[in-house]
Amino acid sequence: MIERVFKIALLMVVGYCCVIVVACGRSGSNLLTTFGSDEPMAGGMAIPVSDEFGPEQAQKLYERVSAEAFLAALAKYNCGDPVSKMVFKVQLFQRSAYASRRVEVGYSVRLDPAGRQRGMVFGIQYLAMKAAGEIDPKKSWSSTYQKPDGETFEVSGGYSENEEPICDCSKRGSGGEWVTFASEKDSGSATRDAEQGN
């Protein structure tokens, strides 16, 4: 179940019109700190973190994604094409009634998740989440939520569910799926779970 949640989250990374980011954007009162540009971002993602992930860790994450090494690593998911210079923003949000403690990583370049930049979309998500996992003191996260009837339930996960995308550049631009994951046992597309509503 957690694996499917991460796969679906991967599909919701471009533009603040996406479900995850819109939901997070409505929780401005839960914002703890911001590092980076004050300008609106063209795309982004939300990454659950532990309660031990604080402003110091958020700053480290911002420094990691803003480094030249991060952009250089993205070339692997862009089939060797030059990677455009990006400006990043990292915001840390405290836990709320309906969302875990999280960091939002925004970037300034608009990418097409259905076109030639699809690998980049998944690559940014993978590398940013990998960096957050290396920085998070607890290396996992969990949140307890309460239903309207008072019943509580817990959602937890770890950064090990973060899976590197595999880009088949020979299929890029063919109109078919060219970004997959090793766990897709039937070689299905990265969008399968989302399309089936699972």
N, C-alpha and C. Protein backbone atom coordinates (compact mmCIF):
# COMPACT_ATOMS: atom_id res chain seq x y z
N MET A 1 0.82 -1.20 0.00
CA MET A 1 0.00 0.00 0.00
C MET A 1 0.86 1.26 0.00
N ILE A 2 1.92 1.27 0.85
CA ILE A 2 2.79 2.43 0.93
C ILE A 2 3.49 2.65 -0.41
N GLU A 3 3.88 1.52 -1.06
CA GLU A 3 4.56 1.63 -2.35
C GLU A 3 3.64 2.31 -3.35
N ARG A 4 2.36 1.93 -3.35
CA ARG A 4 1.42 2.53 -4.28
C ARG A 4 1.22 4.02 -3.99
N VAL A 5 1.22 4.37 -2.70
CA VAL A 5 1.08 5.78 -2.33
C VAL A 5 2.22 6.59 -2.91
N PHE A 6 3.45 6.07 -2.81
CA PHE A 6 4.59 6.79 -3.35
C PHE A 6 4.52 6.88 -4.86
N LYS A 7 4.06 5.81 -5.54
CA LYS A 7 3.97 5.84 -6.99
C LYS A 7 2.95 6.88 -7.43
N ILE A 8 1.81 6.93 -6.73
CA ILE A 8 0.80 7.92 -7.07
C ILE A 8 1.32 9.33 -6.80
N ALA A 9 2.06 9.48 -5.69
CA ALA A 9 2.62 10.80 -5.38
C ALA A 9 3.57 11.25 -6.48
N LEU A 10 4.30 10.28 -7.06
CA LEU A 10 5.22 10.63 -8.14
C LEU A 10 4.51 11.27 -9.32
N LEU A 11 3.26 10.90 -9.52
CA LEU A 11 2.52 11.39 -10.67
C LEU A 11 1.95 12.78 -10.44
N MET A 12 2.08 13.28 -9.24
CA MET A 12 1.44 14.54 -8.89
C MET A 12 2.45 15.63 -8.62
N VAL A 13 3.53 15.66 -9.39
CA VAL A 13 4.63 16.54 -9.05
C VAL A 13 4.71 17.81 -9.87
N VAL A 14 3.95 17.94 -10.94
CA VAL A 14 4.13 19.10 -11.81
C VAL A 14 2.98 20.08 -11.65
N GLY A 15 3.35 21.32 -11.30
CA GLY A 15 2.35 22.39 -11.23
C GLY A 15 1.60 22.39 -9.92
N TYR A 16 1.30 23.57 -9.41
CA TYR A 16 0.56 23.66 -8.16
C TYR A 16 -0.93 23.47 -8.35
N CYS A 17 -1.32 23.07 -9.57
CA CYS A 17 -2.70 22.65 -9.78
C CYS A 17 -2.88 21.19 -9.41
N CYS A 18 -1.78 20.47 -9.16
CA CYS A 18 -1.87 19.06 -8.80
C CYS A 18 -2.49 18.89 -7.43
N VAL A 19 -3.10 17.76 -7.20
CA VAL A 19 -3.88 17.53 -5.99
C VAL A 19 -3.07 17.69 -4.72
N ILE A 20 -1.91 17.05 -4.68
CA ILE A 20 -1.11 17.09 -3.45
C ILE A 20 -0.72 18.52 -3.12
N VAL A 21 -0.22 19.24 -4.10
CA VAL A 21 0.32 20.56 -3.83
C VAL A 21 -0.77 21.56 -3.53
N VAL A 22 -1.91 21.43 -4.19
CA VAL A 22 -3.03 22.32 -3.87
C VAL A 22 -3.48 22.10 -2.44
N ALA A 23 -3.58 20.85 -2.04
CA ALA A 23 -4.00 20.54 -0.67
C ALA A 23 -3.03 21.12 0.33
N CYS A 24 -1.73 20.98 0.02
CA CYS A 24 -0.73 21.52 0.93
C CYS A 24 -0.77 23.04 0.94
N GLY A 25 -0.99 23.63 -0.22
CA GLY A 25 -0.99 25.09 -0.31
C GLY A 25 -2.09 25.73 0.51
N ARG A 26 -3.14 24.99 0.79
CA ARG A 26 -4.24 25.54 1.58
C ARG A 26 -3.94 25.56 3.07
N SER A 27 -2.79 24.98 3.45
CA SER A 27 -2.46 24.88 4.86
C SER A 27 -1.37 25.85 5.24
N GLY A 28 -1.50 27.08 4.75
CA GLY A 28 -0.47 28.07 4.98
C GLY A 28 -0.17 28.31 6.44
N SER A 29 -1.17 28.16 7.33
CA SER A 29 -0.95 28.39 8.74
C SER A 29 -0.03 27.34 9.35
N ASN A 30 0.16 26.22 8.66
CA ASN A 30 1.03 25.15 9.15
C ASN A 30 2.47 25.31 8.67
N LEU A 31 2.73 26.34 7.90
CA LEU A 31 4.07 26.57 7.37
C LEU A 31 5.01 26.98 8.50
N LEU A 32 6.14 26.29 8.59
CA LEU A 32 7.12 26.57 9.63
C LEU A 32 8.27 27.44 9.12
N THR A 33 8.77 27.13 7.93
CA THR A 33 9.90 27.89 7.42
C THR A 33 10.03 27.68 5.91
N THR A 34 10.67 28.65 5.26
CA THR A 34 10.88 28.59 3.81
C THR A 34 12.32 28.93 3.49
N PHE A 35 12.91 28.17 2.57
CA PHE A 35 14.25 28.46 2.08
C PHE A 35 14.19 28.55 0.56
N GLY A 36 14.82 29.59 0.01
CA GLY A 36 14.86 29.73 -1.42
C GLY A 36 13.97 30.86 -1.94
N SER A 37 13.62 30.77 -3.19
CA SER A 37 12.92 31.83 -3.91
C SER A 37 11.53 32.12 -3.33
N ASP A 38 11.14 33.39 -3.37
CA ASP A 38 9.79 33.80 -2.98
C ASP A 38 8.83 33.75 -4.16
N GLU A 39 9.37 33.50 -5.35
CA GLU A 39 8.55 33.47 -6.55
C GLU A 39 7.74 32.17 -6.62
N PRO A 40 6.57 32.21 -7.27
CA PRO A 40 5.78 30.98 -7.47
C PRO A 40 6.59 29.96 -8.27
N MET A 41 6.48 28.69 -7.91
CA MET A 41 7.20 27.64 -8.59
C MET A 41 6.34 27.04 -9.70
N ALA A 42 7.00 26.51 -10.74
CA ALA A 42 6.28 25.91 -11.86
C ALA A 42 5.89 24.47 -11.58
N GLY A 43 6.59 23.80 -10.70
CA GLY A 43 6.30 22.41 -10.36
C GLY A 43 6.81 22.10 -8.97
N GLY A 44 6.48 20.95 -8.46
CA GLY A 44 6.95 20.59 -7.14
C GLY A 44 6.36 19.30 -6.62
N MET A 45 6.71 18.97 -5.39
CA MET A 45 6.27 17.73 -4.77
C MET A 45 6.19 17.89 -3.26
N ALA A 46 5.43 17.03 -2.62
CA ALA A 46 5.35 17.00 -1.16
C ALA A 46 5.97 15.69 -0.68
N ILE A 47 6.86 15.77 0.30
CA ILE A 47 7.55 14.60 0.83
C ILE A 47 7.27 14.47 2.32
N PRO A 48 6.63 13.38 2.78
CA PRO A 48 6.42 13.18 4.22
C PRO A 48 7.76 13.05 4.94
N VAL A 49 7.88 13.64 6.12
CA VAL A 49 9.10 13.55 6.92
C VAL A 49 8.72 13.26 8.37
N SER A 50 9.70 12.91 9.17
CA SER A 50 9.45 12.62 10.58
C SER A 50 9.31 13.92 11.37
N ASP A 51 8.82 13.81 12.61
CA ASP A 51 8.68 14.98 13.47
C ASP A 51 10.03 15.55 13.86
N GLU A 52 11.10 14.77 13.70
CA GLU A 52 12.44 15.23 14.03
C GLU A 52 13.06 16.05 12.90
N PHE A 53 12.39 16.09 11.77
CA PHE A 53 12.88 16.87 10.62
C PHE A 53 12.49 18.32 10.85
N GLY A 54 13.48 19.15 11.15
CA GLY A 54 13.22 20.54 11.52
C GLY A 54 13.78 21.53 10.52
N PRO A 55 13.79 22.82 10.88
CA PRO A 55 14.32 23.86 10.00
C PRO A 55 15.77 23.61 9.56
N GLU A 56 16.58 23.07 10.47
CA GLU A 56 17.97 22.79 10.10
C GLU A 56 18.05 21.77 8.97
N GLN A 57 17.20 20.74 9.06
CA GLN A 57 17.19 19.72 8.03
C GLN A 57 16.60 20.27 6.72
N ALA A 58 15.59 21.13 6.85
CA ALA A 58 14.99 21.74 5.66
C ALA A 58 16.02 22.60 4.91
N GLN A 59 16.84 23.31 5.67
CA GLN A 59 17.88 24.12 5.04
C GLN A 59 18.90 23.23 4.33
N LYS A 60 19.26 22.11 4.96
CA LYS A 60 20.20 21.19 4.33
C LYS A 60 19.62 20.61 3.04
N LEU A 61 18.33 20.31 3.06
CA LEU A 61 17.68 19.79 1.86
C LEU A 61 17.70 20.84 0.75
N TYR A 62 17.42 22.08 1.10
CA TYR A 62 17.47 23.16 0.11
C TYR A 62 18.87 23.28 -0.49
N GLU A 63 19.89 23.19 0.35
CA GLU A 63 21.26 23.29 -0.14
C GLU A 63 21.60 22.12 -1.06
N ARG A 64 21.06 20.94 -0.76
CA ARG A 64 21.32 19.76 -1.59
C ARG A 64 20.68 19.90 -2.97
N VAL A 65 19.40 20.27 -3.01
CA VAL A 65 18.73 20.33 -4.31
C VAL A 65 19.19 21.52 -5.13
N SER A 66 19.76 22.53 -4.48
CA SER A 66 20.24 23.72 -5.19
C SER A 66 21.67 23.57 -5.69
N ALA A 67 22.32 22.50 -5.30
CA ALA A 67 23.73 22.31 -5.66
C ALA A 67 23.88 21.90 -7.12
N GLU A 68 25.00 22.23 -7.70
CA GLU A 68 25.30 21.84 -9.08
C GLU A 68 25.29 20.32 -9.23
N ALA A 69 25.69 19.61 -8.19
CA ALA A 69 25.73 18.15 -8.25
C ALA A 69 24.33 17.56 -8.44
N PHE A 70 23.32 18.21 -7.88
CA PHE A 70 21.95 17.74 -8.02
C PHE A 70 21.51 17.86 -9.47
N LEU A 71 21.78 19.01 -10.07
CA LEU A 71 21.42 19.21 -11.48
C LEU A 71 22.19 18.26 -12.38
N ALA A 72 23.45 18.02 -12.04
CA ALA A 72 24.26 17.10 -12.86
C ALA A 72 23.69 15.69 -12.80
N ALA A 73 23.20 15.30 -11.63
CA ALA A 73 22.64 13.96 -11.47
C ALA A 73 21.36 13.79 -12.29
N LEU A 74 20.67 14.88 -12.56
CA LEU A 74 19.41 14.81 -13.31
C LEU A 74 19.63 14.45 -14.78
N ALA A 75 20.84 14.64 -15.29
CA ALA A 75 21.12 14.35 -16.69
C ALA A 75 20.83 12.89 -17.01
N LYS A 76 20.96 12.03 -16.03
CA LYS A 76 20.70 10.60 -16.21
C LYS A 76 19.26 10.35 -16.62
N TYR A 77 18.36 11.21 -16.16
CA TYR A 77 16.93 11.02 -16.42
C TYR A 77 16.45 11.90 -17.58
N ASN A 78 17.39 12.57 -18.23
CA ASN A 78 17.05 13.43 -19.36
C ASN A 78 17.72 12.93 -20.63
N CYS A 79 18.10 11.66 -20.63
CA CYS A 79 18.69 11.00 -21.81
C CYS A 79 19.89 11.77 -22.37
N GLY A 80 20.66 12.37 -21.47
CA GLY A 80 21.87 13.06 -21.90
C GLY A 80 21.67 14.48 -22.37
N ASP A 81 20.43 14.93 -22.50
CA ASP A 81 20.18 16.30 -22.91
C ASP A 81 20.58 17.27 -21.80
N PRO A 82 20.99 18.49 -22.14
CA PRO A 82 21.34 19.47 -21.11
C PRO A 82 20.17 19.72 -20.16
N VAL A 83 20.47 19.89 -18.90
CA VAL A 83 19.45 20.17 -17.89
C VAL A 83 19.41 21.67 -17.64
N SER A 84 18.23 22.24 -17.80
CA SER A 84 18.08 23.68 -17.60
C SER A 84 18.36 24.07 -16.15
N LYS A 85 18.95 25.24 -15.98
CA LYS A 85 19.18 25.76 -14.64
C LYS A 85 17.85 25.96 -13.93
N MET A 86 17.75 25.50 -12.69
CA MET A 86 16.51 25.61 -11.93
C MET A 86 16.74 26.36 -10.63
N VAL A 87 15.70 27.07 -10.20
CA VAL A 87 15.68 27.69 -8.89
C VAL A 87 14.73 26.87 -8.04
N PHE A 88 15.13 26.57 -6.81
CA PHE A 88 14.33 25.72 -5.94
C PHE A 88 13.81 26.48 -4.72
N LYS A 89 12.75 25.95 -4.18
CA LYS A 89 12.20 26.42 -2.91
C LYS A 89 11.89 25.21 -2.04
N VAL A 90 12.25 25.26 -0.78
CA VAL A 90 11.94 24.19 0.17
C VAL A 90 11.16 24.78 1.34
N GLN A 91 9.99 24.25 1.59
CA GLN A 91 9.15 24.70 2.70
C GLN A 91 8.84 23.54 3.63
N LEU A 92 8.92 23.81 4.92
CA LEU A 92 8.63 22.80 5.94
C LEU A 92 7.28 23.10 6.59
N PHE A 93 6.40 22.10 6.61
CA PHE A 93 5.08 22.23 7.20
C PHE A 93 4.94 21.29 8.39
N GLN A 94 4.34 21.80 9.46
CA GLN A 94 4.10 20.94 10.61
C GLN A 94 2.91 20.03 10.35
N ARG A 95 2.81 18.98 11.14
CA ARG A 95 1.73 18.03 11.01
C ARG A 95 0.39 18.71 11.26
N SER A 96 -0.63 18.32 10.50
CA SER A 96 -1.97 18.85 10.69
C SER A 96 -2.94 17.68 10.87
N ALA A 97 -4.21 18.00 11.00
CA ALA A 97 -5.21 16.95 11.25
C ALA A 97 -5.29 15.96 10.10
N TYR A 98 -4.97 16.41 8.89
CA TYR A 98 -5.15 15.55 7.73
C TYR A 98 -3.89 15.36 6.90
N ALA A 99 -2.76 15.78 7.41
CA ALA A 99 -1.51 15.63 6.66
C ALA A 99 -0.34 15.45 7.60
N SER A 100 0.60 14.61 7.21
CA SER A 100 1.79 14.39 8.02
C SER A 100 2.71 15.60 7.92
N ARG A 101 3.68 15.64 8.81
CA ARG A 101 4.72 16.66 8.69
C ARG A 101 5.41 16.43 7.34
N ARG A 102 5.72 17.49 6.62
CA ARG A 102 6.21 17.32 5.28
C ARG A 102 7.09 18.49 4.85
N VAL A 103 7.86 18.25 3.80
CA VAL A 103 8.56 19.32 3.11
C VAL A 103 8.01 19.37 1.69
N GLU A 104 7.85 20.58 1.19
CA GLU A 104 7.48 20.76 -0.20
C GLU A 104 8.69 21.30 -0.94
N VAL A 105 9.05 20.63 -2.01
CA VAL A 105 10.18 21.03 -2.83
C VAL A 105 9.63 21.54 -4.16
N GLY A 106 9.79 22.83 -4.42
CA GLY A 106 9.31 23.42 -5.66
C GLY A 106 10.47 23.77 -6.57
N TYR A 107 10.21 23.75 -7.87
CA TYR A 107 11.24 24.14 -8.83
C TYR A 107 10.66 25.05 -9.89
N SER A 108 11.52 25.87 -10.50
CA SER A 108 11.07 26.99 -11.32
C SER A 108 10.82 26.65 -12.78
N VAL A 109 11.26 25.49 -13.24
CA VAL A 109 11.13 25.12 -14.65
C VAL A 109 9.90 24.23 -14.84
N ARG A 110 9.05 24.59 -15.77
CA ARG A 110 7.88 23.76 -16.06
C ARG A 110 8.28 22.58 -16.92
N LEU A 111 7.96 21.37 -16.45
CA LEU A 111 8.31 20.15 -17.16
C LEU A 111 7.04 19.43 -17.61
N ASP A 112 7.14 18.75 -18.73
CA ASP A 112 6.00 18.01 -19.28
C ASP A 112 6.07 16.55 -18.84
N PRO A 113 5.20 16.12 -17.93
CA PRO A 113 5.28 14.74 -17.42
C PRO A 113 4.82 13.70 -18.43
N ALA A 114 4.23 14.13 -19.53
CA ALA A 114 3.74 13.19 -20.54
C ALA A 114 4.62 13.20 -21.79
N GLY A 115 5.66 14.02 -21.80
CA GLY A 115 6.48 14.17 -22.99
C GLY A 115 7.93 13.80 -22.77
N ARG A 116 8.82 14.52 -23.43
CA ARG A 116 10.24 14.19 -23.42
C ARG A 116 10.90 14.47 -22.08
N GLN A 117 10.23 15.22 -21.20
CA GLN A 117 10.80 15.53 -19.88
C GLN A 117 10.23 14.63 -18.78
N ARG A 118 9.53 13.59 -19.17
CA ARG A 118 8.92 12.68 -18.20
C ARG A 118 9.95 12.09 -17.24
N GLY A 119 11.09 11.69 -17.79
CA GLY A 119 12.14 11.14 -16.94
C GLY A 119 12.64 12.13 -15.92
N MET A 120 12.71 13.39 -16.30
CA MET A 120 13.15 14.45 -15.38
C MET A 120 12.17 14.60 -14.23
N VAL A 121 10.88 14.52 -14.53
CA VAL A 121 9.86 14.67 -13.48
C VAL A 121 10.06 13.62 -12.41
N PHE A 122 10.20 12.37 -12.84
CA PHE A 122 10.38 11.28 -11.89
C PHE A 122 11.77 11.32 -11.25
N GLY A 123 12.77 11.79 -12.01
CA GLY A 123 14.12 11.87 -11.48
C GLY A 123 14.25 12.89 -10.36
N ILE A 124 13.62 14.05 -10.52
CA ILE A 124 13.65 15.07 -9.47
C ILE A 124 12.99 14.54 -8.21
N GLN A 125 11.83 13.88 -8.38
CA GLN A 125 11.13 13.32 -7.23
C GLN A 125 12.02 12.31 -6.51
N TYR A 126 12.64 11.43 -7.26
CA TYR A 126 13.48 10.38 -6.67
C TYR A 126 14.68 10.98 -5.92
N LEU A 127 15.39 11.89 -6.56
CA LEU A 127 16.59 12.45 -5.94
C LEU A 127 16.27 13.32 -4.74
N ALA A 128 15.18 14.09 -4.81
CA ALA A 128 14.79 14.93 -3.68
C ALA A 128 14.37 14.09 -2.49
N MET A 129 13.62 13.02 -2.75
CA MET A 129 13.19 12.16 -1.65
C MET A 129 14.38 11.38 -1.07
N LYS A 130 15.30 10.99 -1.93
CA LYS A 130 16.51 10.32 -1.46
C LYS A 130 17.31 11.23 -0.54
N ALA A 131 17.44 12.50 -0.93
CA ALA A 131 18.17 13.47 -0.11
C ALA A 131 17.47 13.68 1.22
N ALA A 132 16.13 13.80 1.19
CA ALA A 132 15.37 13.98 2.44
C ALA A 132 15.58 12.80 3.38
N GLY A 133 15.61 11.59 2.82
CA GLY A 133 15.82 10.40 3.64
C GLY A 133 17.19 10.36 4.28
N GLU A 134 18.18 10.85 3.56
CA GLU A 134 19.54 10.88 4.10
C GLU A 134 19.68 11.94 5.19
N ILE A 135 18.88 12.99 5.10
CA ILE A 135 18.96 14.10 6.07
C ILE A 135 18.07 13.86 7.28
N ASP A 136 16.94 13.20 7.11
CA ASP A 136 15.98 12.99 8.19
C ASP A 136 16.61 12.19 9.33
N PRO A 137 16.65 12.71 10.55
CA PRO A 137 17.28 12.00 11.67
C PRO A 137 16.64 10.65 11.97
N LYS A 138 15.33 10.51 11.72
CA LYS A 138 14.63 9.28 12.07
C LYS A 138 14.59 8.27 10.94
N LYS A 139 14.80 8.69 9.71
CA LYS A 139 14.83 7.83 8.53
C LYS A 139 13.49 7.19 8.21
N SER A 140 12.43 7.61 8.85
CA SER A 140 11.09 7.11 8.57
C SER A 140 10.09 8.14 9.08
N TRP A 141 8.80 7.93 8.78
CA TRP A 141 7.79 8.88 9.23
C TRP A 141 6.51 8.14 9.58
N SER A 142 5.72 8.73 10.44
CA SER A 142 4.42 8.17 10.80
C SER A 142 3.53 9.29 11.31
N SER A 143 2.23 9.15 11.09
CA SER A 143 1.26 10.14 11.55
C SER A 143 0.00 9.43 12.00
N THR A 144 -0.59 9.93 13.07
CA THR A 144 -1.87 9.41 13.56
C THR A 144 -2.97 10.40 13.22
N TYR A 145 -4.02 9.89 12.59
CA TYR A 145 -5.13 10.73 12.16
C TYR A 145 -6.41 10.31 12.87
N GLN A 146 -7.36 11.21 12.91
CA GLN A 146 -8.64 10.93 13.56
C GLN A 146 -9.78 11.14 12.58
N LYS A 147 -10.63 10.12 12.46
CA LYS A 147 -11.80 10.20 11.61
C LYS A 147 -12.87 11.05 12.31
N PRO A 148 -13.86 11.53 11.55
CA PRO A 148 -14.93 12.33 12.16
C PRO A 148 -15.65 11.61 13.31
N ASP A 149 -15.69 10.27 13.27
CA ASP A 149 -16.36 9.52 14.33
C ASP A 149 -15.47 9.30 15.54
N GLY A 150 -14.25 9.84 15.51
CA GLY A 150 -13.34 9.73 16.64
C GLY A 150 -12.34 8.60 16.55
N GLU A 151 -12.55 7.69 15.63
CA GLU A 151 -11.62 6.58 15.46
C GLU A 151 -10.29 7.08 14.93
N THR A 152 -9.19 6.56 15.46
CA THR A 152 -7.86 6.97 15.02
C THR A 152 -7.19 5.85 14.22
N PHE A 153 -6.30 6.25 13.34
CA PHE A 153 -5.52 5.28 12.58
C PHE A 153 -4.17 5.90 12.25
N GLU A 154 -3.20 5.04 12.02
CA GLU A 154 -1.83 5.52 11.77
C GLU A 154 -1.39 5.17 10.36
N VAL A 155 -0.70 6.10 9.75
CA VAL A 155 -0.08 5.89 8.44
C VAL A 155 1.42 6.10 8.63
N SER A 156 2.21 5.14 8.19
CA SER A 156 3.65 5.24 8.37
C SER A 156 4.36 4.76 7.12
N GLY A 157 5.61 5.10 7.01
CA GLY A 157 6.40 4.68 5.86
C GLY A 157 7.86 5.02 6.05
N GLY A 158 8.66 4.57 5.13
CA GLY A 158 10.09 4.84 5.18
C GLY A 158 10.59 5.26 3.81
N TYR A 159 11.78 5.78 3.77
CA TYR A 159 12.31 6.27 2.51
C TYR A 159 12.76 5.13 1.60
N SER A 160 12.77 3.90 2.13
CA SER A 160 13.16 2.75 1.31
C SER A 160 12.16 2.49 0.20
N GLU A 161 10.91 3.01 0.37
CA GLU A 161 9.91 2.82 -0.67
C GLU A 161 10.19 3.69 -1.89
N ASN A 162 11.09 4.66 -1.74
CA ASN A 162 11.46 5.53 -2.84
C ASN A 162 12.24 4.71 -3.87
N GLU A 163 11.76 4.65 -5.09
CA GLU A 163 12.35 3.79 -6.10
C GLU A 163 12.84 4.60 -7.29
N GLU A 164 14.04 4.27 -7.75
CA GLU A 164 14.64 5.01 -8.86
C GLU A 164 13.93 4.68 -10.18
N PRO A 165 13.58 5.69 -10.95
CA PRO A 165 12.96 5.45 -12.25
C PRO A 165 13.98 4.91 -13.25
N ILE A 166 13.51 4.08 -14.15
CA ILE A 166 14.34 3.51 -15.21
C ILE A 166 13.89 4.13 -16.53
N CYS A 167 14.79 4.83 -17.19
CA CYS A 167 14.45 5.53 -18.44
C CYS A 167 14.99 4.75 -19.64
N ASP A 168 14.10 4.32 -20.52
CA ASP A 168 14.48 3.68 -21.77
C ASP A 168 14.46 4.75 -22.86
N CYS A 169 15.61 5.38 -23.06
CA CYS A 169 15.67 6.53 -23.96
C CYS A 169 15.42 6.15 -25.42
N SER A 170 15.53 4.86 -25.74
CA SER A 170 15.25 4.43 -27.11
C SER A 170 13.76 4.57 -27.43
N LYS A 171 12.91 4.63 -26.39
CA LYS A 171 11.47 4.75 -26.58
C LYS A 171 10.98 6.19 -26.36
N ARG A 172 11.88 7.05 -26.00
CA ARG A 172 11.52 8.44 -25.75
C ARG A 172 10.99 9.09 -27.02
N GLY A 173 9.84 9.71 -26.93
CA GLY A 173 9.25 10.35 -28.09
C GLY A 173 8.45 9.41 -28.96
N SER A 174 8.33 8.14 -28.56
CA SER A 174 7.60 7.16 -29.36
C SER A 174 6.10 7.20 -29.13
N GLY A 175 5.69 7.89 -28.07
CA GLY A 175 4.28 7.92 -27.71
C GLY A 175 3.91 6.85 -26.71
N GLY A 176 4.83 5.92 -26.46
CA GLY A 176 4.60 4.87 -25.47
C GLY A 176 5.32 5.17 -24.17
N GLU A 177 5.14 4.31 -23.17
CA GLU A 177 5.79 4.51 -21.87
C GLU A 177 7.27 4.22 -21.98
N TRP A 178 8.08 5.14 -21.46
CA TRP A 178 9.53 4.92 -21.47
C TRP A 178 10.16 5.11 -20.10
N VAL A 179 9.32 5.35 -19.09
CA VAL A 179 9.81 5.44 -17.71
C VAL A 179 9.09 4.39 -16.89
N THR A 180 9.83 3.46 -16.33
CA THR A 180 9.26 2.38 -15.54
C THR A 180 10.04 2.21 -14.24
N PHE A 181 9.62 1.23 -13.43
CA PHE A 181 10.27 0.92 -12.16
C PHE A 181 10.52 -0.59 -12.09
N ALA A 182 11.58 -0.98 -11.40
CA ALA A 182 11.93 -2.39 -11.31
C ALA A 182 10.82 -3.21 -10.68
N SER A 183 10.05 -2.60 -9.79
CA SER A 183 8.99 -3.33 -9.10
C SER A 183 7.75 -3.54 -9.96
N GLU A 184 7.72 -2.93 -11.15
CA GLU A 184 6.59 -3.15 -12.05
C GLU A 184 6.77 -4.52 -12.69
N LYS A 185 6.29 -5.53 -11.99
CA LYS A 185 6.60 -6.92 -12.34
C LYS A 185 6.08 -7.31 -13.72
N ASP A 186 5.04 -6.68 -14.17
CA ASP A 186 4.50 -7.01 -15.48
C ASP A 186 4.92 -5.98 -16.52
N SER A 187 6.01 -5.21 -16.17
CA SER A 187 6.52 -4.17 -17.07
C SER A 187 5.46 -3.12 -17.38
N GLY A 188 4.51 -2.93 -16.46
CA GLY A 188 3.48 -1.93 -16.66
C GLY A 188 4.05 -0.54 -16.54
N SER A 189 3.29 0.44 -16.88
CA SER A 189 3.77 1.82 -16.86
C SER A 189 3.76 2.36 -15.45
N ALA A 190 4.48 3.46 -15.28
CA ALA A 190 4.55 4.11 -13.98
C ALA A 190 3.22 4.72 -13.59
N THR A 191 2.30 4.82 -14.52
CA THR A 191 1.01 5.44 -14.22
C THR A 191 -0.10 4.43 -13.92
N ARG A 192 0.20 3.15 -13.97
CA ARG A 192 -0.84 2.14 -13.89
C ARG A 192 -1.71 2.26 -12.66
N ASP A 193 -1.09 2.36 -11.49
CA ASP A 193 -1.87 2.41 -10.25
C ASP A 193 -2.79 3.62 -10.22
N ALA A 194 -2.28 4.78 -10.67
CA ALA A 194 -3.08 5.99 -10.65
C ALA A 194 -4.26 5.87 -11.62
N GLU A 195 -4.00 5.28 -12.79
CA GLU A 195 -5.04 5.17 -13.79
C GLU A 195 -6.17 4.24 -13.33
N GLN A 196 -5.79 3.20 -12.55
CA GLN A 196 -6.78 2.26 -12.06
C GLN A 196 -7.42 2.71 -10.76
N GLY A 197 -6.95 3.84 -10.22
CA GLY A 197 -7.52 4.38 -8.99
C GLY A 197 -7.14 3.59 -7.75
N ASN A 198 -6.01 2.85 -7.80
CA ASN A 198 -5.59 2.04 -6.66
C ASN A 198 -4.64 2.81 -5.77
